[in-house]
Amino acid sequence: MNDVELTLGEPLERAVDLFPARELVTKLPDGSTHRYTYVDAAEWINQLAGALDDLGLEADDHRWNPLW
């Protein structure tokens, strides 16, 4: 087992710094697409992290992510 944490923090920050306006495209179940930038993604992820923090979850708490 690898001792490296699988988190988005550093890679996402680097992507925002290097490619802030680069477009990400997600294909939705209905076949349509959702387009956003690395900056948009970082803002959404930070909002989600804030909401989890408000719920009392700590950095070391284990969470299940059904998106993986």
Protein backbone atom coordinates (compact mmCIF):
# COMPACT_ATOMS: atom_id res chain seq x y z
CA MET A 1 0.00 0.00 0.00
CA ASN A 2 1.25 3.47 -0.82
CA ASP A 3 1.72 6.00 1.99
CA VAL A 4 0.88 8.95 -0.26
CA GLU A 5 -2.47 10.65 0.34
CA LEU A 6 -4.76 10.74 -2.68
CA THR A 7 -6.05 14.30 -2.38
CA LEU A 8 -6.72 17.01 -4.94
CA GLY A 9 -5.14 19.89 -3.02
CA GLU A 10 -1.68 20.36 -4.52
CA PRO A 11 -2.38 19.12 -8.07
CA LEU A 12 -5.47 21.33 -8.29
CA GLU A 13 -3.63 24.40 -6.98
CA ARG A 14 -0.90 23.82 -9.56
CA ALA A 15 -3.47 23.47 -12.37
CA VAL A 16 -5.16 26.72 -11.26
CA ASP A 17 -1.79 28.52 -11.23
CA LEU A 18 -0.68 27.20 -14.62
CA PHE A 19 -3.97 26.92 -16.53
CA PRO A 20 -6.63 29.06 -14.80
CA ALA A 21 -8.82 29.43 -17.91
CA ARG A 22 -8.28 25.91 -19.29
CA GLU A 23 -11.63 24.33 -19.95
CA LEU A 24 -12.68 21.05 -18.36
CA VAL A 25 -15.52 19.13 -19.97
CA THR A 26 -17.68 16.58 -18.17
CA LYS A 27 -20.11 14.35 -20.03
CA LEU A 28 -23.38 13.98 -18.12
CA PRO A 29 -25.57 10.85 -18.03
CA ASP A 30 -28.06 12.41 -20.46
CA GLY A 31 -25.28 12.89 -23.03
CA SER A 32 -24.99 16.65 -22.56
CA THR A 33 -21.77 18.27 -21.40
CA HIS A 34 -20.86 20.61 -18.56
CA ARG A 35 -17.95 23.01 -19.18
CA TYR A 36 -15.97 24.83 -16.52
CA THR A 37 -12.42 26.03 -15.80
CA TYR A 38 -9.85 24.91 -13.25
CA VAL A 39 -10.67 28.09 -11.30
CA ASP A 40 -14.37 27.16 -11.31
CA ALA A 41 -13.53 23.62 -10.17
CA ALA A 42 -11.30 24.90 -7.36
CA GLU A 43 -14.03 27.28 -6.14
CA TRP A 44 -16.60 24.45 -6.11
CA ILE A 45 -14.22 22.07 -4.33
CA ASN A 46 -13.37 24.73 -1.73
CA GLN A 47 -17.10 25.36 -1.13
CA LEU A 48 -17.64 21.62 -0.67
CA ALA A 49 -14.68 21.42 1.73
CA GLY A 50 -16.11 24.34 3.72
CA ALA A 51 -19.50 22.62 3.93
CA LEU A 52 -17.89 19.40 5.17
CA ASP A 53 -15.93 21.43 7.72
CA ASP A 54 -19.17 23.13 8.86
CA LEU A 55 -20.64 19.65 9.40
CA GLY A 56 -17.78 18.89 11.77
CA LEU A 57 -15.74 16.56 9.56
CA GLU A 58 -12.02 16.67 10.28
CA ALA A 59 -9.16 16.29 7.80
CA ASP A 60 -8.34 12.79 9.11
CA ASP A 61 -11.94 11.54 9.04
CA HIS A 62 -12.62 8.80 6.53
CA ARG A 63 -15.25 9.55 3.91
CA TRP A 64 -16.67 7.48 1.12
CA ASN A 65 -16.70 9.15 -2.28
CA PRO A 66 -19.18 7.49 -4.64
CA LEU A 67 -17.73 9.41 -7.60
CA TRP A 68 -14.53 7.37 -7.76
